[in-house]
Structures are given as C-alpha cells and as structure tokens.
C-alpha cells in the first residue's frame, strides 16, 4: 500500500482532498497509469449527494472518479500490447473472466464486476492507478486526453446504438438531452441514423445537442413530442426510441412514438418501477432492449473519435485542476443546464 493524495468521499455530503492508502503494486497482466484527465459523472455526483445508488452504499471513505485517461508509466509481467509512455484510456468495470456472463461475451452484466468508484471499490481521482492491461486502450495521437476521458460515457451511447440494431437512414428519438442522451444521439447518428429527434425540458441542453448535424431539438415544455414525431415521420413513427431521461413519466406515452415494428432502448434508470403498456407494445410488435453500461465498445468508440466522424469536444463545459476537485463537484451538483461534461485535470 502507498499513501497518495486523492479526492475522497468521506460520507454523504462530505468530500476531502487528502492522503489515503491505495495499492499501487503493478502485478502480472497489469499496468500503472499516471492519470491526466478525469470526467465528473452523474453517478459520482449522486454518491456525493445521496450516499448511495440502489444497493451500493458508501459505508466507508471512497475515492471518486471512473472516466479517465492518462499515460502508462509501468507494465507488469506478460503485458505485450502496451509500454511505458503510451497514452491510454481505461474501461472501469472489471469482470470475472471465468464467469458465465464473460464467457457469453456479456461481461458487463457479470455480478462479480468491480467498477471504479462503486462501493467498496476506489475510483481514480488520484495521481496514479493500477489497472488490468486488457481493459486499458491505447489512444491514437490525434485523440486528446480530454477526449479519452469521454470514451467511457460515449461507450454507453455506443452500446445503446448497437442494441437498437440501427438500419441506415433510420429516424431516432432520444428522450433526455443530458450527457448520456446527447452521446446516445451522437452514437445513433454515427451508427446510421439519418436524424435524431432529441427531446428535453431545458432549452440550453437542446441548444448544445443541436450543434450536431442531424439533431432535431424538441422542447417538450413548448411542443407535444408525439405530435412532432408524427409530423416529422408522416404519421408512421420513429424507428428507434432511446429513453435516456430515467423519468417514469416518459414511459406513459413512449409507445406512441415508435413505428410498428420499431424498437425502444431503455438507457435511463428510473428510481422506481414504471408502468408498461404491454397492449400497445404487442399490437405494434415493438421490440424492447435494455442497456447496462457497455461491453466491447471502447475500441469502436476510440476508432470513431480518431476518424473525425465523432467530435465530443463541444460537450466539455468546464475544466478544473485537481486541487479544485471539490469545486468541480459542487458545480456539478448545481446541474446547470448549460453544463454537459465537467473534467478534472490532474497535472
């Protein structure tokens, strides 16, 4: 164990920048990474404000942060595809490679997954971390650390787009223009959708999403979304609906948005069970898909960033130095409608 400086969630509502004991020994199959950039995620903020997410409860001090990029500084025995000096980003969820879920390729739903900044696992808002090399990905020279730290949330969008089985020219509807909703829209467009109708209550969020070609913003305070989708699709309905808001209310009319034979992809997680219109889903033969994090999406996400087809830089709303990490989290708690992604630079 080594005593290192980190952003520690001591308990609900209490953050501290202090020294904490963390393991930094680089074992076989592992790499040590000097952290450069860490994104502030909604789950980090939720642990700060609520002290728990579902069954995951902060019962002892925990280092926050799981969206990260940095530089390899040491490699363990058996690591051949990475070397010291490589710029990388890291997939924060580590499954049991021998589990049935992993053997089926669905490692994200392995019950044994350990995930950075999910109790009791420490996160990466600290100068160095050790991580399995197999979940560490080299960044191309034209992909910045800031973009590398955004691969993690973008991978959720990529998972949603993959689950939708998009066909070229599809019309998508995205409910919720928060960070994940916006990245889902970007991934859907990259995956072949001709347009993405993005709906939200906050006009500043819609204005940010509307920077991307193919996005059609709809302010649901001012417009009836069902009527807008009907108008834009000549009464047929959208091919793909991505529910990213996590609002139970979204499910009250979601079936009206989908065309016959369309698909609804549940991305947002409501805090309580929602009502489900089985009759309409059945009579329209609507397919329902679900998303939990991602699997096998990092390399695809990095390839899109490197190709120039996807640009996530406009989503970075503010950058803070490590010593100002608490200020960054307090800003995130404000939930400004003009903020999409806040990042912390470690060096």
Protein backbone atom coordinates (compact mmCIF):
# COMPACT_ATOMS: atom_id res chain seq x y z
CA UNK A 1 0.00 0.00 0.00
CA UNK A 2 1.10 3.55 -0.69
CA UNK A 3 -0.16 6.76 0.83
CA UNK A 4 -1.30 9.02 -2.02
CA UNK A 5 -3.39 12.17 -2.42
CA UNK A 6 -6.93 11.63 -3.67
CA UNK A 7 -10.42 13.10 -3.79
CA UNK A 8 -12.19 11.10 -1.10
CA UNK A 9 -15.90 10.90 -0.44
CA UNK A 10 -15.80 10.57 3.34
CA UNK A 11 -19.56 10.19 3.65
CA UNK A 12 -22.69 11.71 2.14
CA UNK A 13 -22.20 15.47 1.53
CA UNK A 14 -18.53 15.41 2.62
CA UNK A 15 -15.57 15.47 0.21
CA UNK A 16 -11.90 15.84 1.13
CA UNK A 17 -8.62 16.14 -0.77
CA UNK A 18 -6.32 14.11 1.44
CA UNK A 19 -3.85 11.25 1.61
CA UNK A 20 -5.25 7.73 1.58
CA UNK A 21 -3.70 4.26 1.39
CA UNK A 22 -4.08 2.67 -2.05
CA UNK A 23 -2.43 -0.34 -3.67
CA UNK A 24 -0.03 0.69 -6.47
CA UNK A 25 1.88 -2.56 -6.97
CA UNK A 26 1.90 -3.49 -10.66
CA UNK A 27 1.25 -7.23 -10.90
CA UNK A 28 1.26 -9.62 -13.87
CA UNK A 29 -1.10 -8.50 -16.63
CA UNK A 30 -1.42 -5.02 -15.14
CA UNK A 31 -0.23 -1.53 -15.99
CA UNK A 32 0.40 1.51 -13.82
CA UNK A 33 -1.09 4.69 -15.26
CA UNK A 34 -0.36 8.32 -14.47
CA UNK A 35 -3.79 9.92 -14.57
CA UNK A 36 -4.17 13.04 -16.68
CA UNK A 37 -7.90 13.78 -17.04
CA UNK A 38 -10.97 12.53 -15.15
CA UNK A 39 -14.58 13.31 -16.04
CA UNK A 40 -17.18 14.09 -13.39
CA UNK A 41 -20.00 11.59 -13.87
CA UNK A 42 -23.58 11.80 -12.63
CA UNK A 43 -23.06 8.64 -10.58
CA UNK A 44 -20.10 10.25 -8.76
CA UNK A 45 -22.29 13.25 -8.00
CA UNK A 46 -25.15 11.01 -6.87
CA UNK A 47 -22.89 9.25 -4.36
CA UNK A 48 -21.82 12.69 -3.11
CA UNK A 49 -25.37 13.97 -2.67
CA UNK A 50 -27.21 10.78 -1.71
CA UNK A 51 -24.53 8.45 -0.34
CA UNK A 52 -25.85 5.51 -2.31
CA UNK A 53 -27.14 4.26 -5.65
CA UNK A 54 -29.59 1.41 -5.17
CA UNK A 55 -27.83 -1.35 -3.22
CA UNK A 56 -24.41 0.34 -3.45
CA UNK A 57 -23.94 2.31 -0.24
CA UNK A 58 -20.95 4.47 0.74
CA UNK A 59 -20.22 2.98 4.16
CA UNK A 60 -16.54 3.95 4.34
CA UNK A 61 -14.32 6.56 2.61
CA UNK A 62 -14.12 6.05 -1.16
CA UNK A 63 -12.05 7.70 -3.89
CA UNK A 64 -14.32 9.05 -6.65
CA UNK A 65 -13.91 9.09 -10.45
CA UNK A 66 -14.17 6.49 -13.21
CA UNK A 67 -13.98 8.36 -16.56
CA UNK A 68 -10.23 8.64 -17.08
CA UNK A 69 -7.27 8.89 -19.43
CA UNK A 70 -3.56 9.03 -18.74
CA UNK A 71 -0.11 7.68 -19.56
CA UNK A 72 1.32 4.23 -18.87
CA UNK A 73 4.34 4.51 -16.56
CA UNK A 74 4.97 0.81 -15.80
CA UNK A 75 3.88 -2.57 -17.17
CA UNK A 76 3.58 -5.87 -15.39
CA UNK A 77 4.77 -9.28 -16.48
CA UNK A 78 3.05 -10.64 -19.57
CA UNK A 79 1.86 -7.29 -20.95
CA UNK A 80 2.89 -7.04 -24.61
CA UNK A 81 0.48 -4.56 -26.25
CA UNK A 82 1.29 -1.58 -24.01
CA UNK A 83 4.51 0.09 -22.92
CA UNK A 84 5.60 2.99 -20.75
CA UNK A 85 4.77 6.28 -22.45
CA UNK A 86 1.59 5.05 -24.16
CA UNK A 87 -1.37 7.40 -23.84
CA UNK A 88 -4.42 5.39 -22.80
CA UNK A 89 -7.97 5.37 -21.52
CA UNK A 90 -9.34 2.69 -19.26
CA UNK A 91 -12.54 0.69 -19.04
CA UNK A 92 -13.54 0.95 -15.35
CA UNK A 93 -15.51 -2.29 -14.97
CA UNK A 94 -13.54 -5.49 -14.44
CA UNK A 95 -15.45 -8.79 -14.59
CA UNK A 96 -14.51 -12.29 -13.56
CA UNK A 97 -13.09 -13.65 -16.84
CA UNK A 98 -14.30 -17.15 -15.96
CA UNK A 99 -17.90 -16.20 -15.22
CA UNK A 100 -20.71 -17.42 -17.45
CA UNK A 101 -21.57 -13.83 -18.41
CA UNK A 102 -17.99 -13.18 -19.51
CA UNK A 103 -17.81 -16.42 -21.47
CA UNK A 104 -21.02 -15.39 -23.27
CA UNK A 105 -19.47 -12.03 -24.11
CA UNK A 106 -21.81 -10.13 -21.76
CA UNK A 107 -19.14 -9.26 -19.23
CA UNK A 108 -20.88 -6.01 -18.26
CA UNK A 109 -23.68 -7.94 -16.54
CA UNK A 110 -21.35 -10.26 -14.64
CA UNK A 111 -22.49 -9.99 -10.99
CA UNK A 112 -18.83 -10.14 -9.95
CA UNK A 113 -17.86 -6.95 -11.86
CA UNK A 114 -15.81 -4.50 -9.83
CA UNK A 115 -16.27 -0.93 -11.05
CA UNK A 116 -14.23 2.14 -10.17
CA UNK A 117 -15.92 4.45 -7.66
CA UNK A 118 -18.68 1.95 -6.89
CA UNK A 119 -18.62 0.94 -3.20
CA UNK A 120 -16.38 -0.57 -1.96
CA UNK A 121 -14.07 -0.06 -4.98
CA UNK A 122 -11.95 3.10 -5.10
CA UNK A 123 -12.02 5.36 -8.16
CA UNK A 124 -9.25 7.21 -10.00
CA UNK A 125 -9.20 10.81 -8.79
CA UNK A 126 -5.63 10.27 -7.63
CA UNK A 127 -2.29 10.73 -9.43
CA UNK A 128 -1.64 7.06 -10.31
CA UNK A 129 -3.66 3.86 -10.57
CA UNK A 130 -3.00 0.22 -11.40
CA UNK A 131 -5.35 -1.47 -13.85
CA UNK A 132 -5.61 -4.69 -15.93
CA UNK A 133 -3.89 -4.18 -19.28
CA UNK A 134 -6.73 -5.99 -21.07
CA UNK A 135 -9.08 -3.16 -20.09
CA UNK A 136 -6.62 -0.41 -20.99
CA UNK A 137 -6.75 1.04 -24.51
CA UNK A 138 -4.11 2.99 -26.39
CA UNK A 139 -5.19 6.39 -27.67
CA UNK A 140 -4.25 7.45 -31.22
CA UNK A 141 -2.05 10.53 -31.46
CA UNK A 142 -4.96 12.68 -32.67
CA UNK A 143 -7.20 11.83 -29.69
CA UNK A 144 -6.59 14.05 -26.67
CA UNK A 145 -6.64 13.06 -23.01
CA UNK A 146 -9.88 15.05 -22.66
CA UNK A 147 -11.50 13.00 -25.43
CA UNK A 148 -10.04 9.81 -23.99
CA UNK A 149 -11.74 10.53 -20.68
CA UNK A 150 -15.05 10.85 -22.56
CA UNK A 151 -14.83 7.39 -24.11
CA UNK A 152 -16.46 5.91 -21.01
CA UNK A 153 -19.78 7.80 -21.24
CA UNK A 154 -19.71 7.64 -25.05
CA UNK A 155 -19.43 3.86 -24.79
CA UNK A 156 -22.89 3.87 -23.18
CA UNK A 157 -24.21 5.61 -26.29
CA UNK A 158 -22.43 3.09 -28.47
CA UNK A 159 -23.96 0.21 -26.52
CA UNK A 160 -27.42 1.73 -26.96
CA UNK A 161 -26.89 2.20 -30.70
CA UNK A 162 -25.67 -1.38 -31.04
CA UNK A 163 -28.63 -2.76 -29.09
CA UNK A 164 -31.01 -0.80 -31.38
CA UNK A 165 -29.70 -2.60 -34.48
CA UNK A 166 -29.94 0.64 -36.45
CA UNK A 167 -30.50 0.45 -40.18
CA UNK A 168 -29.07 3.16 -42.45
CA UNK A 169 -31.50 6.06 -42.73
CA UNK A 170 -33.42 5.34 -39.53
CA UNK A 171 -35.09 8.09 -37.55
CA UNK A 172 -34.31 8.07 -33.83
CA UNK A 173 -35.97 9.80 -30.90
CA UNK A 174 -33.82 10.48 -27.83
CA UNK A 175 -35.67 11.32 -24.61
CA UNK A 176 -33.36 13.43 -22.45
CA UNK A 177 -30.57 15.77 -23.57
CA UNK A 178 -28.24 15.23 -20.63
CA UNK A 179 -24.69 13.96 -21.13
CA UNK A 180 -25.76 10.39 -21.86
CA UNK A 181 -28.74 11.38 -24.03
CA UNK A 182 -26.59 13.67 -26.15
CA UNK A 183 -23.93 10.99 -26.56
CA UNK A 184 -26.60 8.43 -27.46
CA UNK A 185 -27.81 10.80 -30.19
CA UNK A 186 -24.26 11.22 -31.49
CA UNK A 187 -23.70 7.45 -31.47
CA UNK A 188 -27.03 6.84 -33.22
CA UNK A 189 -26.13 9.26 -35.99
CA UNK A 190 -22.68 7.69 -36.33
CA UNK A 191 -24.36 4.29 -36.44
CA UNK A 192 -26.50 5.16 -39.45
CA UNK A 193 -29.49 7.19 -38.29
CA UNK A 194 -30.34 9.98 -40.71
CA UNK A 195 -31.69 12.14 -37.91
CA UNK A 196 -32.14 12.12 -34.15
CA UNK A 197 -35.08 13.96 -32.61
CA UNK A 198 -33.81 14.98 -29.17
CA UNK A 199 -36.40 15.95 -26.55
CA UNK A 200 -35.87 17.74 -23.27
CA UNK A 201 -37.36 20.38 -20.95
CA UNK A 202 -34.20 22.54 -20.87
CA UNK A 203 -33.54 24.66 -23.94
CA UNK A 204 -29.81 25.19 -23.17
CA UNK A 205 -29.27 21.43 -23.27
CA UNK A 206 -31.13 21.19 -26.56
CA UNK A 207 -29.04 24.02 -27.99
CA UNK A 208 -25.87 22.05 -27.21
CA UNK A 209 -27.22 18.88 -28.81
CA UNK A 210 -28.39 20.85 -31.84
CA UNK A 211 -24.77 21.71 -32.68
CA UNK A 212 -24.55 18.25 -34.22
CA UNK A 213 -25.73 17.78 -37.79
CA UNK A 214 -28.79 15.54 -37.88
CA UNK A 215 -30.11 16.51 -34.44
CA UNK A 216 -33.63 17.96 -34.36
CA UNK A 217 -34.27 19.53 -30.92
CA UNK A 218 -37.77 19.49 -29.42
CA UNK A 219 -38.55 21.44 -26.25
CA UNK A 220 -41.32 19.44 -24.62
CA UNK A 221 -42.35 22.41 -22.49
CA UNK A 222 -43.47 24.10 -25.67
CA UNK A 223 -44.28 21.25 -28.03
CA UNK A 224 -46.14 17.95 -27.93
CA UNK A 225 -43.47 15.37 -28.71
CA UNK A 226 -45.88 12.75 -30.05
CA UNK A 227 -47.32 15.28 -32.48
CA UNK A 228 -43.86 16.42 -33.55
CA UNK A 229 -42.68 12.87 -34.19
CA UNK A 230 -45.85 12.13 -36.12
CA UNK A 231 -45.37 15.26 -38.22
CA UNK A 232 -41.73 14.51 -38.96
CA UNK A 233 -42.44 10.88 -39.91
CA UNK A 234 -45.65 11.45 -41.87
CA UNK A 235 -47.65 9.70 -39.14
CA UNK A 236 -45.59 6.50 -39.21
CA UNK A 237 -43.49 6.92 -36.06
CA UNK A 238 -39.78 6.70 -35.34
CA UNK A 239 -37.71 3.61 -35.99
CA UNK A 240 -35.78 3.79 -32.71
CA UNK A 241 -36.64 5.36 -29.36
CA UNK A 242 -33.87 5.83 -26.81
CA UNK A 243 -35.19 6.56 -23.31
CA UNK A 244 -32.32 8.37 -21.58
CA UNK A 245 -34.10 10.59 -19.07
CA UNK A 246 -34.77 7.95 -16.43
CA UNK A 247 -38.14 9.62 -15.84
CA UNK A 248 -41.06 7.25 -15.13
CA UNK A 249 -43.32 9.76 -16.91
CA UNK A 250 -41.51 9.10 -20.18
CA UNK A 251 -42.97 5.60 -20.28
CA UNK A 252 -46.55 6.86 -20.20
CA UNK A 253 -46.52 7.82 -23.89
CA UNK A 254 -43.35 6.20 -25.22
CA UNK A 255 -45.25 3.56 -27.22
CA UNK A 256 -46.91 6.33 -29.23
CA UNK A 257 -43.55 7.46 -30.57
CA UNK A 258 -42.44 4.17 -32.13
CA UNK A 259 -43.47 2.93 -35.56
CA UNK A 260 -44.93 -0.58 -35.93
CA UNK A 261 -42.01 -2.97 -35.61
CA UNK A 262 -39.82 -0.26 -34.08
CA UNK A 263 -37.56 -0.59 -31.07
CA UNK A 264 -37.36 1.09 -27.68
CA UNK A 265 -33.97 1.08 -25.96
CA UNK A 266 -34.09 1.74 -22.20
CA UNK A 267 -30.92 3.61 -21.21
CA UNK A 268 -32.01 5.79 -18.29
CA UNK A 269 -32.66 4.06 -14.97
CA UNK A 270 -35.85 5.12 -13.15
CA UNK A 271 -35.56 5.06 -9.37
CA UNK A 272 -38.81 3.09 -9.09
CA UNK A 273 -40.72 0.62 -11.30
CA UNK A 274 -42.65 2.11 -14.20
CA UNK A 275 -45.96 1.27 -15.83
CA UNK A 276 -45.62 -0.56 -19.13
CA UNK A 277 -48.20 -0.53 -21.94
CA UNK A 278 -47.95 -4.16 -22.99
CA UNK A 279 -51.04 -4.00 -25.23
CA UNK A 280 -49.68 -1.26 -27.47
CA UNK A 281 -46.22 -2.83 -27.49
CA UNK A 282 -47.78 -6.10 -28.60
CA UNK A 283 -50.16 -4.76 -31.23
CA UNK A 284 -47.34 -2.72 -32.78
CA UNK A 285 -44.78 -5.53 -32.23
CA UNK A 286 -42.38 -3.07 -30.65
CA UNK A 287 -39.06 -4.59 -29.63
CA UNK A 288 -37.70 -3.63 -26.20
CA UNK A 289 -33.96 -3.56 -25.48
CA UNK A 290 -32.09 -2.60 -22.32
CA UNK A 291 -28.62 -1.22 -21.65
CA UNK A 292 -26.38 -1.63 -18.63
CA UNK A 293 -23.13 0.24 -19.12
CA UNK A 294 -21.40 -1.34 -22.17
CA UNK A 295 -19.39 -4.26 -23.47
CA UNK A 296 -16.88 -4.35 -26.35
CA UNK A 297 -17.41 -0.66 -27.16
CA UNK A 298 -14.13 1.04 -26.24
CA UNK A 299 -12.17 0.20 -29.39
CA UNK A 300 -15.11 1.20 -31.61
CA UNK A 301 -15.55 4.46 -29.72
CA UNK A 302 -11.86 5.33 -29.99
CA UNK A 303 -11.90 4.48 -33.72
CA UNK A 304 -14.79 6.91 -34.31
CA UNK A 305 -13.03 9.67 -32.38
CA UNK A 306 -9.80 9.11 -34.30
CA UNK A 307 -11.58 9.08 -37.66
CA UNK A 308 -13.07 12.52 -37.06
CA UNK A 309 -16.62 11.26 -37.56
CA UNK A 310 -17.37 11.94 -33.90
CA UNK A 311 -16.30 15.09 -32.05
CA UNK A 312 -17.04 15.14 -28.33
CA UNK A 313 -15.01 18.24 -27.52
CA UNK A 314 -18.04 20.60 -27.73
CA UNK A 315 -19.54 18.73 -24.78
CA UNK A 316 -16.75 19.75 -22.37
CA UNK A 317 -18.29 22.57 -20.33
CA UNK A 318 -15.57 23.25 -17.78
CA UNK A 319 -12.10 22.09 -16.73
CA UNK A 320 -10.81 22.17 -13.14
CA UNK A 321 -7.39 21.49 -11.64
CA UNK A 322 -7.04 18.58 -9.22
CA UNK A 323 -6.70 20.95 -6.27
CA UNK A 324 -10.10 22.39 -7.22
CA UNK A 325 -11.83 19.00 -7.42
CA UNK A 326 -14.32 19.82 -4.68
CA UNK A 327 -15.30 22.98 -6.57
CA UNK A 328 -15.83 20.84 -9.66
CA UNK A 329 -18.21 18.54 -7.78
CA UNK A 330 -20.07 21.42 -6.20
CA UNK A 331 -20.52 22.90 -9.68
CA UNK A 332 -21.81 19.53 -10.90
CA UNK A 333 -24.34 19.46 -8.03
CA UNK A 334 -25.75 22.74 -9.35
CA UNK A 335 -26.79 20.87 -12.52
CA UNK A 336 -26.51 23.95 -14.70
CA UNK A 337 -28.48 23.41 -17.92
CA UNK A 338 -25.51 24.75 -19.89
CA UNK A 339 -23.16 22.07 -18.47
CA UNK A 340 -22.71 18.73 -20.18
CA UNK A 341 -19.36 17.37 -19.03
CA UNK A 342 -17.02 18.77 -16.39
CA UNK A 343 -13.47 17.43 -16.24
CA UNK A 344 -10.62 17.49 -13.74
CA UNK A 345 -7.02 17.68 -14.93
CA UNK A 346 -4.57 16.00 -12.58
CA UNK A 347 -1.32 17.58 -13.78
